[in-house]
């Protein structure tokens, strides 16, 4: 009998099992490094983004209030108080703008109205002497090109914002008359906005934005006008 007949077949080699703890430790290390990188990137980019936003806001304020060269930032709190903007304070922004002689040129505030393709965000200029909105600039909009851009470009529509009434009631707590958009050619009151033909929904978004912003900001502005008139 051949000796080969007594040779037992070898069992196939099994791969060594990876220890569970080692696998978890590796995955945990990767997750920790990824999280650290996210934090570092955020810390690096956040000041850059904030500075870019500050510059864009300043340009918008100076655009709606020609002649302004400096501004002070305020917030209207949930209680309706006007306070200087700063860390730990939240509210709706209000910008007081001043000319080269440190005289108050006017105020700017931001409103949002629902448009055809989403929210329309607009900055409005406010003159506390006439108690009226005297300028506008669309900041964000997804409205249909050719229609939505008329909110910033149509001369006839922009005349609505040369002296749009934002006067207060006798108590000084709210607008005496809500700012509303009306069908083109039917404007009869100084607090009405004459809509753009073919862009009624976008025009109404401007009206809602103006009314929402003025309702929040104007009472607080008028109450604290003496302080706002000081550049520092």
Protein backbone atom coordinates (compact mmCIF):
# COMPACT_ATOMS: atom_id res chain seq x y z
CA UNK A 1 0.00 0.00 0.00
CA UNK A 2 1.34 3.37 -0.90
CA UNK A 3 2.26 5.77 1.86
CA UNK A 4 0.22 8.38 0.05
CA UNK A 5 -2.93 6.62 1.12
CA UNK A 6 -2.26 7.58 4.75
CA UNK A 7 -1.83 11.34 4.08
CA UNK A 8 -4.79 13.29 5.56
CA UNK A 9 -6.14 16.19 3.44
CA UNK A 10 -5.33 19.59 4.91
CA UNK A 11 -8.16 21.83 5.96
CA UNK A 12 -8.37 25.08 3.94
CA UNK A 13 -6.77 28.07 5.60
CA UNK A 14 -9.28 30.43 7.21
CA UNK A 15 -8.62 34.20 7.07
CA UNK A 16 -7.83 35.69 10.41
CA UNK A 17 -10.82 37.51 11.84
CA UNK A 18 -10.39 41.23 12.34
CA UNK A 19 -10.84 42.05 16.01
CA UNK A 20 -14.05 44.03 16.54
CA UNK A 21 -12.38 46.46 18.91
CA UNK A 22 -9.66 47.31 16.38
CA UNK A 23 -12.28 47.96 13.68
CA UNK A 24 -14.33 50.21 15.95
CA UNK A 25 -11.23 52.07 17.05
CA UNK A 26 -10.25 52.74 13.42
CA UNK A 27 -13.74 53.92 12.48
CA UNK A 28 -13.88 56.10 15.56
CA UNK A 29 -10.56 57.68 14.69
CA UNK A 30 -11.72 58.45 11.15
CA UNK A 31 -14.95 59.98 12.45
CA UNK A 32 -13.07 62.10 14.98
CA UNK A 33 -10.63 63.40 12.35
CA UNK A 34 -13.48 64.15 9.93
CA UNK A 35 -15.37 66.04 12.61
CA UNK A 36 -12.27 68.02 13.52
CA UNK A 37 -11.72 68.97 9.89
CA UNK A 38 -15.33 70.16 9.57
CA UNK A 39 -14.94 72.35 12.67
CA UNK A 40 -11.63 73.79 11.45
CA UNK A 41 -13.06 74.58 8.01
CA UNK A 42 -16.11 76.24 9.59
CA UNK A 43 -13.96 78.31 11.94
CA UNK A 44 -11.80 79.41 9.02
CA UNK A 45 -14.63 80.28 6.60
CA UNK A 46 -17.15 81.78 9.04
CA UNK A 47 -15.35 85.14 9.45
CA UNK A 48 -14.86 85.35 5.68
CA UNK A 49 -18.55 84.71 5.02
CA UNK A 50 -19.56 87.19 7.73
CA UNK A 51 -17.33 89.91 6.30
CA UNK A 52 -18.64 89.31 2.79
CA UNK A 53 -22.22 89.57 4.06
CA UNK A 54 -21.36 92.79 5.94
CA UNK A 55 -19.98 94.38 2.77
CA UNK A 56 -23.03 93.33 0.70
CA UNK A 57 -25.40 94.69 3.35
CA UNK A 58 -23.52 97.98 3.56
CA UNK A 59 -23.63 98.39 -0.23
CA UNK A 60 -27.39 97.74 -0.23
CA UNK A 61 -27.97 100.30 2.56
CA UNK A 62 -25.95 102.96 0.75
CA UNK A 63 -27.78 102.17 -2.50
CA UNK A 64 -31.28 102.67 -1.09
CA UNK A 65 -30.11 105.72 0.90
CA UNK A 66 -27.93 107.74 -1.52
CA UNK A 67 -25.46 110.06 0.18
CA UNK A 68 -24.95 107.79 3.19
CA UNK A 69 -21.33 106.97 4.05
CA UNK A 70 -21.69 105.25 7.45
CA UNK A 71 -24.21 103.13 9.30
CA UNK A 72 -25.14 101.80 12.71
CA UNK A 73 -26.71 98.36 13.11
CA UNK A 74 -29.74 97.77 15.32
CA UNK A 75 -32.23 94.98 15.95
CA UNK A 76 -35.94 95.08 16.69
CA UNK A 77 -36.45 92.47 19.39
CA UNK A 78 -39.46 90.19 19.82
CA UNK A 79 -40.75 92.73 22.37
CA UNK A 80 -40.58 95.51 19.78
CA UNK A 81 -37.58 97.25 21.32
CA UNK A 82 -34.82 98.78 19.21
CA UNK A 83 -31.40 97.75 20.54
CA UNK A 84 -27.84 97.90 19.18
CA UNK A 85 -26.88 94.75 17.31
CA UNK A 86 -24.42 92.55 19.16
CA UNK A 87 -23.55 89.10 20.39
CA UNK A 88 -26.41 87.31 22.11
CA UNK A 89 -29.07 89.65 20.71
CA UNK A 90 -31.62 88.50 18.13
CA UNK A 91 -34.26 90.30 16.15
CA UNK A 92 -35.03 92.00 12.83
CA UNK A 93 -32.20 94.19 11.53
CA UNK A 94 -32.54 97.96 11.16
CA UNK A 95 -29.72 100.06 9.73
CA UNK A 96 -29.35 103.76 10.54
CA UNK A 97 -27.41 105.54 7.78
CA UNK A 98 -25.48 108.83 8.06
CA UNK A 99 -23.93 111.28 5.62
CA UNK A 100 -20.42 112.77 5.72
CA UNK A 101 -21.57 115.38 8.28
CA UNK A 102 -22.93 112.64 10.59
CA UNK A 103 -26.52 113.57 9.86
CA UNK A 104 -29.13 110.85 9.75
CA UNK A 105 -30.00 110.15 6.11
CA UNK A 106 -32.63 107.56 6.89
CA UNK A 107 -33.18 103.99 7.98
CA UNK A 108 -33.13 100.70 6.10
CA UNK A 109 -34.96 97.51 7.04
CA UNK A 110 -35.67 94.17 5.38
CA UNK A 111 -38.97 92.48 4.60
CA UNK A 112 -39.95 89.16 3.03
CA UNK A 113 -43.02 88.39 0.92
CA UNK A 114 -44.17 85.18 -0.76
CA UNK A 115 -43.72 85.43 -4.52
CA UNK A 116 -44.54 83.19 -7.47
CA UNK A 117 -41.39 81.05 -7.14
CA UNK A 118 -40.59 81.48 -3.46
CA UNK A 119 -39.84 84.23 -0.94
CA UNK A 120 -38.80 87.68 -2.14
CA UNK A 121 -36.44 89.47 0.26
CA UNK A 122 -36.30 93.24 -0.07
CA UNK A 123 -34.45 96.08 1.65
CA UNK A 124 -36.49 99.27 2.04
CA UNK A 125 -35.34 102.80 2.79
CA UNK A 126 -37.39 104.77 5.31
CA UNK A 127 -37.50 108.53 5.88
CA UNK A 128 -38.58 109.27 9.48
CA UNK A 129 -39.53 112.86 8.62
CA UNK A 130 -42.15 112.00 6.01
CA UNK A 131 -42.81 108.64 7.68
CA UNK A 132 -42.65 106.97 4.32
CA UNK A 133 -40.65 104.39 2.38
CA UNK A 134 -38.41 106.16 -0.12
CA UNK A 135 -36.51 103.35 -1.84
CA UNK A 136 -36.22 99.60 -2.35
CA UNK A 137 -33.71 96.96 -3.42
CA UNK A 138 -34.49 93.28 -3.98
CA UNK A 139 -31.89 91.19 -2.13
CA UNK A 140 -33.10 87.67 -2.97
CA UNK A 141 -35.64 86.44 -5.49
CA UNK A 142 -36.40 83.37 -7.60
CA UNK A 143 -39.09 85.10 -9.65
CA UNK A 144 -39.35 84.45 -13.38
CA UNK A 145 -36.70 86.36 -15.34
CA UNK A 146 -38.29 89.12 -17.36
CA UNK A 147 -40.98 89.61 -14.73
CA UNK A 148 -39.38 89.41 -11.30
CA UNK A 149 -36.45 91.62 -12.29
CA UNK A 150 -38.91 94.42 -13.03
CA UNK A 151 -39.24 94.82 -9.26
CA UNK A 152 -35.82 96.50 -9.38
CA UNK A 153 -35.85 97.92 -12.91
CA UNK A 154 -39.32 99.11 -13.92
CA UNK A 155 -39.31 102.94 -13.52
CA UNK A 156 -43.09 103.17 -13.18
CA UNK A 157 -43.15 100.50 -10.48
CA UNK A 158 -40.24 102.06 -8.60
CA UNK A 159 -42.17 105.32 -8.32
CA UNK A 160 -44.34 103.49 -5.77
CA UNK A 161 -41.39 103.68 -3.41
CA UNK A 162 -40.57 107.37 -3.75
CA UNK A 163 -42.99 108.27 -0.94
CA UNK A 164 -44.92 105.15 0.09
CA UNK A 165 -46.93 106.06 3.19
CA UNK A 166 -45.88 104.20 6.35
CA UNK A 167 -47.49 106.46 8.93
CA UNK A 168 -48.48 105.13 12.34
CA UNK A 169 -51.78 105.03 14.17
CA UNK A 170 -52.54 107.48 16.99
CA UNK A 171 -50.95 105.17 19.57
CA UNK A 172 -47.77 104.77 17.52
CA UNK A 173 -47.99 100.99 17.79
CA UNK A 174 -48.76 99.96 14.20
CA UNK A 175 -49.22 101.30 10.70
CA UNK A 176 -52.28 103.47 10.32
CA UNK A 177 -52.97 101.79 6.99
CA UNK A 178 -51.54 98.44 5.83
CA UNK A 179 -49.31 98.67 2.77
CA UNK A 180 -51.02 96.73 -0.01
CA UNK A 181 -50.53 96.06 -3.71
CA UNK A 182 -53.46 96.88 -5.99
CA UNK A 183 -54.22 96.07 -9.61
CA UNK A 184 -52.28 98.14 -12.10
CA UNK A 185 -53.91 101.50 -12.68
CA UNK A 186 -56.18 101.40 -9.62
CA UNK A 187 -53.93 103.04 -7.00
CA UNK A 188 -55.81 105.79 -5.14
CA UNK A 189 -54.01 105.96 -1.75
CA UNK A 190 -50.40 106.78 -0.79
CA UNK A 191 -50.03 103.45 1.05
CA UNK A 192 -50.95 101.42 -2.02
CA UNK A 193 -48.51 99.89 -4.54
CA UNK A 194 -49.51 99.93 -8.20
CA UNK A 195 -48.74 96.44 -9.53
CA UNK A 196 -46.74 95.63 -12.65
CA UNK A 197 -48.90 94.37 -15.51
CA UNK A 198 -48.15 90.67 -16.02
CA UNK A 199 -46.24 90.40 -12.73
CA UNK A 200 -49.03 90.80 -10.20
CA UNK A 201 -47.85 88.01 -7.89
CA UNK A 202 -44.32 89.41 -7.72
CA UNK A 203 -45.74 92.89 -7.14
CA UNK A 204 -47.86 91.59 -4.28
CA UNK A 205 -44.75 89.99 -2.79
CA UNK A 206 -43.21 93.47 -2.64
CA UNK A 207 -46.31 94.81 -0.93
CA UNK A 208 -46.29 92.05 1.67
CA UNK A 209 -42.57 92.54 2.26
CA UNK A 210 -42.98 96.30 2.74
CA UNK A 211 -45.93 95.92 5.08
CA UNK A 212 -44.28 93.18 7.16
CA UNK A 213 -41.04 95.14 7.53
CA UNK A 214 -42.67 98.49 8.27
CA UNK A 215 -45.08 97.01 10.83
CA UNK A 216 -42.11 95.69 12.81
CA UNK A 217 -39.58 98.46 12.35
CA UNK A 218 -41.38 101.80 12.07
CA UNK A 219 -42.95 101.92 15.58
CA UNK A 220 -39.57 101.10 17.15
CA UNK A 221 -37.79 103.66 14.96
CA UNK A 222 -40.15 106.47 15.81
CA UNK A 223 -39.97 105.72 19.54
CA UNK A 224 -36.16 105.83 19.50
CA UNK A 225 -35.61 108.48 16.84
CA UNK A 226 -33.60 110.77 19.16
CA UNK A 227 -31.02 108.04 19.72
CA UNK A 228 -30.94 107.07 16.06
CA UNK A 229 -30.17 110.66 15.09
CA UNK A 230 -26.80 110.35 16.83
CA UNK A 231 -24.08 108.69 14.73
CA UNK A 232 -22.37 107.21 17.82
